[in-house]
Amino acid sequence: MRTSNLLARAERGDVEEVIVATSPTVEGEATASYLADMLRPTRIRITRIATGVPAGSDIEYADEVTMLRAIEGRREL
C-alpha cells in the first residue's frame, strides 16, 4: 500500500511537507482527511491545494497554471 510507504518516509524524517492534491469530490475529501489524520503524528507540514481546481472536477484534467495557483495558495490541514 502506498500510504504505508509515505508514512514510513515521514517517520524517518525524509519528508518535510506533504501537499495533498486529491480531487475536490467526496472521495477526494475523505482521502485528504484520512491522509492528514495518518500523517499528523509525524509533525510534518500537511497542506491542501487551494481553490482554482473546480469543485466536482477531476484533478487530472487541471491545466498547469491552475495547478500552480492551487499549489501557491495551499493551506494547512
PDB file of N, CA and C in Angstrom:
ATOM      1  N   MET A   1       0.849  -1.180   0.000  1.00  0.00           N
ATOM      2  CA  MET A   1       0.000   0.000   0.000  1.00  0.00           C
ATOM      3  C   MET A   1       0.897   1.247   0.000  1.00  0.00           C
ATOM      4  N   ARG A   2       0.612   2.182  -0.829  1.00  0.00           N
ATOM      5  CA  ARG A   2       1.442   3.375  -0.957  1.00  0.00           C
ATOM      6  C   ARG A   2       1.403   4.269   0.286  1.00  0.00           C
ATOM      7  N   THR A   3       0.302   4.262   1.001  1.00  0.00           N
ATOM      8  CA  THR A   3       0.224   5.093   2.199  1.00  0.00           C
ATOM      9  C   THR A   3       1.210   4.623   3.262  1.00  0.00           C
ATOM     10  N   SER A   4       1.431   3.325   3.339  1.00  0.00           N
ATOM     11  CA  SER A   4       2.394   2.825   4.326  1.00  0.00           C
ATOM     12  C   SER A   4       3.809   3.269   3.958  1.00  0.00           C
ATOM     13  N   ASN A   5       4.133   3.339   2.668  1.00  0.00           N
ATOM     14  CA  ASN A   5       5.436   3.839   2.233  1.00  0.00           C
ATOM     15  C   ASN A   5       5.593   5.310   2.586  1.00  0.00           C
ATOM     16  N   LEU A   6       4.549   6.095   2.364  1.00  0.00           N
ATOM     17  CA  LEU A   6       4.577   7.521   2.696  1.00  0.00           C
ATOM     18  C   LEU A   6       4.763   7.722   4.197  1.00  0.00           C
ATOM     19  N   LEU A   7       4.014   6.978   4.983  1.00  0.00           N
ATOM     20  CA  LEU A   7       4.124   7.087   6.437  1.00  0.00           C
ATOM     21  C   LEU A   7       5.524   6.708   6.923  1.00  0.00           C
ATOM     22  N   ALA A   8       6.090   5.659   6.349  1.00  0.00           N
ATOM     23  CA  ALA A   8       7.448   5.251   6.737  1.00  0.00           C
ATOM     24  C   ALA A   8       8.462   6.343   6.404  1.00  0.00           C
ATOM     25  N   ARG A   9       8.333   6.944   5.237  1.00  0.00           N
ATOM     26  CA  ARG A   9       9.243   8.030   4.854  1.00  0.00           C
ATOM     27  C   ARG A   9       9.078   9.225   5.784  1.00  0.00           C
ATOM     28  N   ALA A  10       7.848   9.546   6.135  1.00  0.00           N
ATOM     29  CA  ALA A  10       7.590  10.673   7.033  1.00  0.00           C
ATOM     30  C   ALA A  10       8.174  10.402   8.417  1.00  0.00           C
ATOM     31  N   GLU A  11       8.022   9.198   8.907  1.00  0.00           N
ATOM     32  CA  GLU A  11       8.538   8.846  10.231  1.00  0.00           C
ATOM     33  C   GLU A  11      10.066   8.850  10.273  1.00  0.00           C
ATOM     34  N   ARG A  12      10.714   8.543   9.145  1.00  0.00           N
ATOM     35  CA  ARG A  12      12.182   8.578   9.073  1.00  0.00           C
ATOM     36  C   ARG A  12      12.714   9.998   8.957  1.00  0.00           C
ATOM     37  N   GLY A  13      11.833  10.948   8.673  1.00  0.00           N
ATOM     38  CA  GLY A  13      12.262  12.330   8.507  1.00  0.00           C
ATOM     39  C   GLY A  13      12.666  12.665   7.087  1.00  0.00           C
ATOM     40  N   ASP A  14      12.327  11.806   6.134  1.00  0.00           N
ATOM     41  CA  ASP A  14      12.660  12.030   4.734  1.00  0.00           C
ATOM     42  C   ASP A  14      11.733  13.047   4.066  1.00  0.00           C
ATOM     43  N   VAL A  15      10.668  13.430   4.744  1.00  0.00           N
ATOM     44  CA  VAL A  15       9.653  14.295   4.164  1.00  0.00           C
ATOM     45  C   VAL A  15       9.512  15.549   5.007  1.00  0.00           C
ATOM     46  N   GLU A  16       9.523  16.715   4.372  1.00  0.00           N
ATOM     47  CA  GLU A  16       9.314  17.974   5.093  1.00  0.00           C
ATOM     48  C   GLU A  16       7.861  18.419   5.027  1.00  0.00           C
ATOM     49  N   GLU A  17       7.215  18.122   3.917  1.00  0.00           N
ATOM     50  CA  GLU A  17       5.835  18.562   3.712  1.00  0.00           C
ATOM     51  C   GLU A  17       5.135  17.590   2.786  1.00  0.00           C
ATOM     52  N   VAL A  18       3.865  17.346   3.059  1.00  0.00           N
ATOM     53  CA  VAL A  18       3.013  16.575   2.165  1.00  0.00           C
ATOM     54  C   VAL A  18       1.939  17.526   1.667  1.00  0.00           C
ATOM     55  N   ILE A  19       1.865  17.679   0.354  1.00  0.00           N
ATOM     56  CA  ILE A  19       0.843  18.521  -0.264  1.00  0.00           C
ATOM     57  C   ILE A  19      -0.233  17.583  -0.799  1.00  0.00           C
ATOM     58  N   VAL A  20      -1.390  17.635  -0.191  1.00  0.00           N
ATOM     59  CA  VAL A  20      -2.499  16.774  -0.583  1.00  0.00           C
ATOM     60  C   VAL A  20      -3.189  17.410  -1.791  1.00  0.00           C
ATOM     61  N   ALA A  21      -3.260  16.655  -2.869  1.00  0.00           N
ATOM     62  CA  ALA A  21      -3.840  17.175  -4.110  1.00  0.00           C
ATOM     63  C   ALA A  21      -4.861  16.203  -4.670  1.00  0.00           C
ATOM     64  N   THR A  22      -5.807  15.834  -3.824  1.00  0.00           N
ATOM     65  CA  THR A  22      -6.876  14.948  -4.280  1.00  0.00           C
ATOM     66  C   THR A  22      -7.969  15.786  -4.928  1.00  0.00           C
ATOM     67  N   SER A  23      -8.780  15.142  -5.717  1.00  0.00           N
ATOM     68  CA  SER A  23      -9.878  15.829  -6.380  1.00  0.00           C
ATOM     69  C   SER A  23     -10.871  16.363  -5.349  1.00  0.00           C
ATOM     70  N   PRO A  24     -11.523  17.482  -5.657  1.00  0.00           N
ATOM     71  CA  PRO A  24     -12.478  18.066  -4.705  1.00  0.00           C
ATOM     72  C   PRO A  24     -13.848  17.385  -4.757  1.00  0.00           C
ATOM     73  N   THR A  25     -13.839  16.071  -4.637  1.00  0.00           N
ATOM     74  CA  THR A  25     -15.064  15.282  -4.602  1.00  0.00           C
ATOM     75  C   THR A  25     -15.203  14.720  -3.192  1.00  0.00           C
ATOM     76  N   VAL A  26     -16.302  14.068  -2.920  1.00  0.00           N
ATOM     77  CA  VAL A  26     -16.496  13.452  -1.607  1.00  0.00           C
ATOM     78  C   VAL A  26     -15.375  12.449  -1.339  1.00  0.00           C
ATOM     79  N   GLU A  27     -15.044  11.647  -2.343  1.00  0.00           N
ATOM     80  CA  GLU A  27     -13.983  10.654  -2.170  1.00  0.00           C
ATOM     81  C   GLU A  27     -12.628  11.330  -1.961  1.00  0.00           C
ATOM     82  N   GLY A  28     -12.364  12.398  -2.719  1.00  0.00           N
ATOM     83  CA  GLY A  28     -11.107  13.127  -2.582  1.00  0.00           C
ATOM     84  C   GLY A  28     -10.972  13.779  -1.220  1.00  0.00           C
ATOM     85  N   GLU A  29     -12.050  14.360  -0.725  1.00  0.00           N
ATOM     86  CA  GLU A  29     -12.034  14.992   0.598  1.00  0.00           C
ATOM     87  C   GLU A  29     -11.831  13.946   1.691  1.00  0.00           C
ATOM     88  N   ALA A  30     -12.462  12.792   1.535  1.00  0.00           N
ATOM     89  CA  ALA A  30     -12.291  11.721   2.523  1.00  0.00           C
ATOM     90  C   ALA A  30     -10.842  11.225   2.527  1.00  0.00           C
ATOM     91  N   THR A  31     -10.262  11.089   1.346  1.00  0.00           N
ATOM     92  CA  THR A  31      -8.869  10.658   1.247  1.00  0.00           C
ATOM     93  C   THR A  31      -7.936  11.683   1.869  1.00  0.00           C
ATOM     94  N   ALA A  32      -8.174  12.971   1.610  1.00  0.00           N
ATOM     95  CA  ALA A  32      -7.348  14.038   2.183  1.00  0.00           C
ATOM     96  C   ALA A  32      -7.425  14.011   3.702  1.00  0.00           C
ATOM     97  N   SER A  33      -8.599  13.839   4.237  1.00  0.00           N
ATOM     98  CA  SER A  33      -8.784  13.774   5.684  1.00  0.00           C
ATOM     99  C   SER A  33      -8.074  12.558   6.270  1.00  0.00           C
ATOM    100  N   TYR A  34      -8.194  11.425   5.613  1.00  0.00           N
ATOM    101  CA  TYR A  34      -7.526  10.202   6.052  1.00  0.00           C
ATOM    102  C   TYR A  34      -6.014  10.392   6.078  1.00  0.00           C
ATOM    103  N   LEU A  35      -5.453  10.945   4.997  1.00  0.00           N
ATOM    104  CA  LEU A  35      -4.007  11.160   4.932  1.00  0.00           C
ATOM    105  C   LEU A  35      -3.532  12.128   6.018  1.00  0.00           C
ATOM    106  N   ALA A  36      -4.286  13.202   6.222  1.00  0.00           N
ATOM    107  CA  ALA A  36      -3.907  14.176   7.250  1.00  0.00           C
ATOM    108  C   ALA A  36      -3.922  13.533   8.628  1.00  0.00           C
ATOM    109  N   ASP A  37      -4.952  12.756   8.921  1.00  0.00           N
ATOM    110  CA  ASP A  37      -5.035  12.073  10.220  1.00  0.00           C
ATOM    111  C   ASP A  37      -3.893  11.072  10.399  1.00  0.00           C
ATOM    112  N   MET A  38      -3.544  10.373   9.327  1.00  0.00           N
ATOM    113  CA  MET A  38      -2.480   9.384   9.380  1.00  0.00           C
ATOM    114  C   MET A  38      -1.116  10.050   9.596  1.00  0.00           C
ATOM    115  N   LEU A  39      -0.895  11.205   8.957  1.00  0.00           N
ATOM    116  CA  LEU A  39       0.404  11.864   8.992  1.00  0.00           C
ATOM    117  C   LEU A  39       0.580  12.841  10.153  1.00  0.00           C
ATOM    118  N   ARG A  40      -0.501  13.283  10.761  1.00  0.00           N
ATOM    119  CA  ARG A  40      -0.425  14.296  11.814  1.00  0.00           C
ATOM    120  C   ARG A  40       0.536  13.934  12.945  1.00  0.00           C
ATOM    121  N   PRO A  41       0.602  12.684  13.412  1.00  0.00           N
ATOM    122  CA  PRO A  41       1.547  12.346  14.490  1.00  0.00           C
ATOM    123  C   PRO A  41       3.022  12.534  14.112  1.00  0.00           C
ATOM    124  N   THR A  42       3.341  12.578  12.834  1.00  0.00           N
ATOM    125  CA  THR A  42       4.734  12.747  12.408  1.00  0.00           C
ATOM    126  C   THR A  42       5.195  14.187  12.551  1.00  0.00           C
ATOM    127  N   ARG A  43       4.266  15.097  12.740  1.00  0.00           N
ATOM    128  CA  ARG A  43       4.536  16.527  12.934  1.00  0.00           C
ATOM    129  C   ARG A  43       5.171  17.191  11.710  1.00  0.00           C
ATOM    130  N   ILE A  44       5.023  16.585  10.527  1.00  0.00           N
ATOM    131  CA  ILE A  44       5.464  17.263   9.309  1.00  0.00           C
ATOM    132  C   ILE A  44       4.354  18.174   8.833  1.00  0.00           C
ATOM    133  N   ARG A  45       4.684  19.099   7.966  1.00  0.00           N
ATOM    134  CA  ARG A  45       3.694  20.042   7.444  1.00  0.00           C
ATOM    135  C   ARG A  45       2.785  19.312   6.449  1.00  0.00           C
ATOM    136  N   ILE A  46       1.486  19.446   6.642  1.00  0.00           N
ATOM    137  CA  ILE A  46       0.499  18.834   5.756  1.00  0.00           C
ATOM    138  C   ILE A  46      -0.361  19.964   5.215  1.00  0.00           C
ATOM    139  N   THR A  47      -0.362  20.126   3.899  1.00  0.00           N
ATOM    140  CA  THR A  47      -1.149  21.194   3.290  1.00  0.00           C
ATOM    141  C   THR A  47      -2.061  20.626   2.221  1.00  0.00           C
ATOM    142  N   ARG A  48      -3.024  21.429   1.842  1.00  0.00           N
ATOM    143  CA  ARG A  48      -4.014  21.057   0.823  1.00  0.00           C
ATOM    144  C   ARG A  48      -3.978  22.120  -0.253  1.00  0.00           C
ATOM    145  N   ILE A  49      -4.072  21.716  -1.509  1.00  0.00           N
ATOM    146  CA  ILE A  49      -4.059  22.703  -2.577  1.00  0.00           C
ATOM    147  C   ILE A  49      -5.236  23.647  -2.429  1.00  0.00           C
ATOM    148  N   ALA A  50      -5.054  24.854  -2.929  1.00  0.00           N
ATOM    149  CA  ALA A  50      -6.067  25.901  -2.792  1.00  0.00           C
ATOM    150  C   ALA A  50      -7.120  25.795  -3.884  1.00  0.00           C
ATOM    151  N   THR A  51      -7.982  26.787  -3.894  1.00  0.00           N
ATOM    152  CA  THR A  51      -9.000  26.851  -4.927  1.00  0.00           C
ATOM    153  C   THR A  51      -8.353  27.083  -6.278  1.00  0.00           C
ATOM    154  N   GLY A  52      -9.111  26.905  -7.288  1.00  0.00           N
ATOM    155  CA  GLY A  52      -8.596  27.033  -8.638  1.00  0.00           C
ATOM    156  C   GLY A  52      -8.933  25.773  -9.401  1.00  0.00           C
ATOM    157  N   VAL A  53      -8.990  24.679  -8.693  1.00  0.00           N
ATOM    158  CA  VAL A  53      -9.452  23.438  -9.291  1.00  0.00           C
ATOM    159  C   VAL A  53     -10.946  23.375  -9.005  1.00  0.00           C
ATOM    160  N   PRO A  54     -11.779  23.406 -10.030  1.00  0.00           N
ATOM    161  CA  PRO A  54     -13.230  23.469  -9.813  1.00  0.00           C
ATOM    162  C   PRO A  54     -13.765  22.301  -8.999  1.00  0.00           C
ATOM    163  N   ALA A  55     -14.635  22.602  -8.067  1.00  0.00           N
ATOM    164  CA  ALA A  55     -15.265  21.563  -7.258  1.00  0.00           C
ATOM    165  C   ALA A  55     -16.024  20.603  -8.156  1.00  0.00           C
ATOM    166  N   GLY A  56     -15.879  19.340  -7.882  1.00  0.00           N
ATOM    167  CA  GLY A  56     -16.572  18.317  -8.652  1.00  0.00           C
ATOM    168  C   GLY A  56     -15.812  17.853  -9.879  1.00  0.00           C
ATOM    169  N   SER A  57     -14.694  18.522 -10.204  1.00  0.00           N
ATOM    170  CA  SER A  57     -13.926  18.098 -11.369  1.00  0.00           C
ATOM    171  C   SER A  57     -12.831  17.137 -10.935  1.00  0.00           C
ATOM    172  N   ASP A  58     -12.241  16.482 -11.897  1.00  0.00           N
ATOM    173  CA  ASP A  58     -11.157  15.557 -11.601  1.00  0.00           C
ATOM    174  C   ASP A  58      -9.839  16.287 -11.768  1.00  0.00           C
ATOM    175  N   ILE A  59      -8.955  16.147 -10.789  1.00  0.00           N
ATOM    176  CA  ILE A  59      -7.699  16.901 -10.764  1.00  0.00           C
ATOM    177  C   ILE A  59      -6.800  16.587 -11.957  1.00  0.00           C
ATOM    178  N   GLU A  60      -6.941  15.409 -12.535  1.00  0.00           N
ATOM    179  CA  GLU A  60      -6.069  15.053 -13.651  1.00  0.00           C
ATOM    180  C   GLU A  60      -6.325  15.905 -14.894  1.00  0.00           C
ATOM    181  N   TYR A  61      -7.449  16.622 -14.936  1.00  0.00           N
ATOM    182  CA  TYR A  61      -7.767  17.457 -16.090  1.00  0.00           C
ATOM    183  C   TYR A  61      -7.398  18.927 -15.890  1.00  0.00           C
ATOM    184  N   ALA A  62      -6.839  19.263 -14.752  1.00  0.00           N
ATOM    185  CA  ALA A  62      -6.460  20.657 -14.471  1.00  0.00           C
ATOM    186  C   ALA A  62      -5.201  21.023 -15.263  1.00  0.00           C
ATOM    187  N   ASP A  63      -5.165  22.248 -15.773  1.00  0.00           N
ATOM    188  CA  ASP A  63      -4.004  22.694 -16.532  1.00  0.00           C
ATOM    189  C   ASP A  63      -2.892  23.158 -15.588  1.00  0.00           C
ATOM    190  N   GLU A  64      -1.700  23.408 -16.143  1.00  0.00           N
ATOM    191  CA  GLU A  64      -0.528  23.772 -15.338  1.00  0.00           C
ATOM    192  C   GLU A  64      -0.719  25.066 -14.558  1.00  0.00           C
ATOM    193  N   VAL A  65      -1.299  26.080 -15.169  1.00  0.00           N
ATOM    194  CA  VAL A  65      -1.476  27.373 -14.499  1.00  0.00           C
ATOM    195  C   VAL A  65      -2.432  27.226 -13.321  1.00  0.00           C
ATOM    196  N   THR A  66      -3.512  26.518 -13.518  1.00  0.00           N
ATOM    197  CA  THR A  66      -4.473  26.289 -12.429  1.00  0.00           C
ATOM    198  C   THR A  66      -3.802  25.543 -11.286  1.00  0.00           C
ATOM    199  N   MET A  67      -3.030  24.517 -11.604  1.00  0.00           N
ATOM    200  CA  MET A  67      -2.351  23.752 -10.561  1.00  0.00           C
ATOM    201  C   MET A  67      -1.292  24.601  -9.863  1.00  0.00           C
ATOM    202  N   LEU A  68      -0.573  25.440 -10.592  1.00  0.00           N
ATOM    203  CA  LEU A  68       0.423  26.315  -9.975  1.00  0.00           C
ATOM    204  C   LEU A  68      -0.237  27.244  -8.964  1.00  0.00           C
ATOM    205  N   ARG A  69      -1.345  27.856  -9.350  1.00  0.00           N
ATOM    206  CA  ARG A  69      -2.062  28.748  -8.419  1.00  0.00           C
ATOM    207  C   ARG A  69      -2.592  27.984  -7.223  1.00  0.00           C
ATOM    208  N   ALA A  70      -3.051  26.775  -7.450  1.00  0.00           N
ATOM    209  CA  ALA A  70      -3.559  25.956  -6.346  1.00  0.00           C
ATOM    210  C   ALA A  70      -2.445  25.598  -5.367  1.00  0.00           C
ATOM    211  N   ILE A  71      -1.275  25.289  -5.886  1.00  0.00           N
ATOM    212  CA  ILE A  71      -0.126  24.960  -5.024  1.00  0.00           C
ATOM    213  C   ILE A  71       0.333  26.193  -4.251  1.00  0.00           C
ATOM    214  N   GLU A  72       0.406  27.332  -4.933  1.00  0.00           N
ATOM    215  CA  GLU A  72       0.854  28.555  -4.273  1.00  0.00           C
ATOM    216  C   GLU A  72      -0.088  28.994  -3.157  1.00  0.00           C
ATOM    217  N   GLY A  73      -1.361  28.686  -3.288  1.00  0.00           N
ATOM    218  CA  GLY A  73      -2.345  29.112  -2.287  1.00  0.00           C
ATOM    219  C   GLY A  73      -2.752  28.010  -1.326  1.00  0.00           C
ATOM    220  N   ARG A  74      -1.927  26.972  -1.230  1.00  0.00           N
ATOM    221  CA  ARG A  74      -2.316  25.851  -0.364  1.00  0.00           C
ATOM    222  C   ARG A  74      -2.458  26.291   1.085  1.00  0.00           C
ATOM    223  N   ARG A  75      -3.180  25.480   1.866  1.00  0.00           N
ATOM    224  CA  ARG A  75      -3.453  25.799   3.256  1.00  0.00           C
ATOM    225  C   ARG A  75      -3.144  24.603   4.136  1.00  0.00           C
ATOM    226  N   GLU A  76      -2.927  24.874   5.408  1.00  0.00           N
ATOM    227  CA  GLU A  76      -2.655  23.802   6.372  1.00  0.00           C
ATOM    228  C   GLU A  76      -3.897  22.951   6.543  1.00  0.00           C
ATOM    229  N   LEU A  77      -3.708  21.669   6.738  1.00  0.00           N
ATOM    230  CA  LEU A  77      -4.823  20.768   7.038  1.00  0.00           C
ATOM    231  C   LEU A  77      -4.869  20.479   8.512  1.00  0.00           C
TER     232      LEU A  77
END
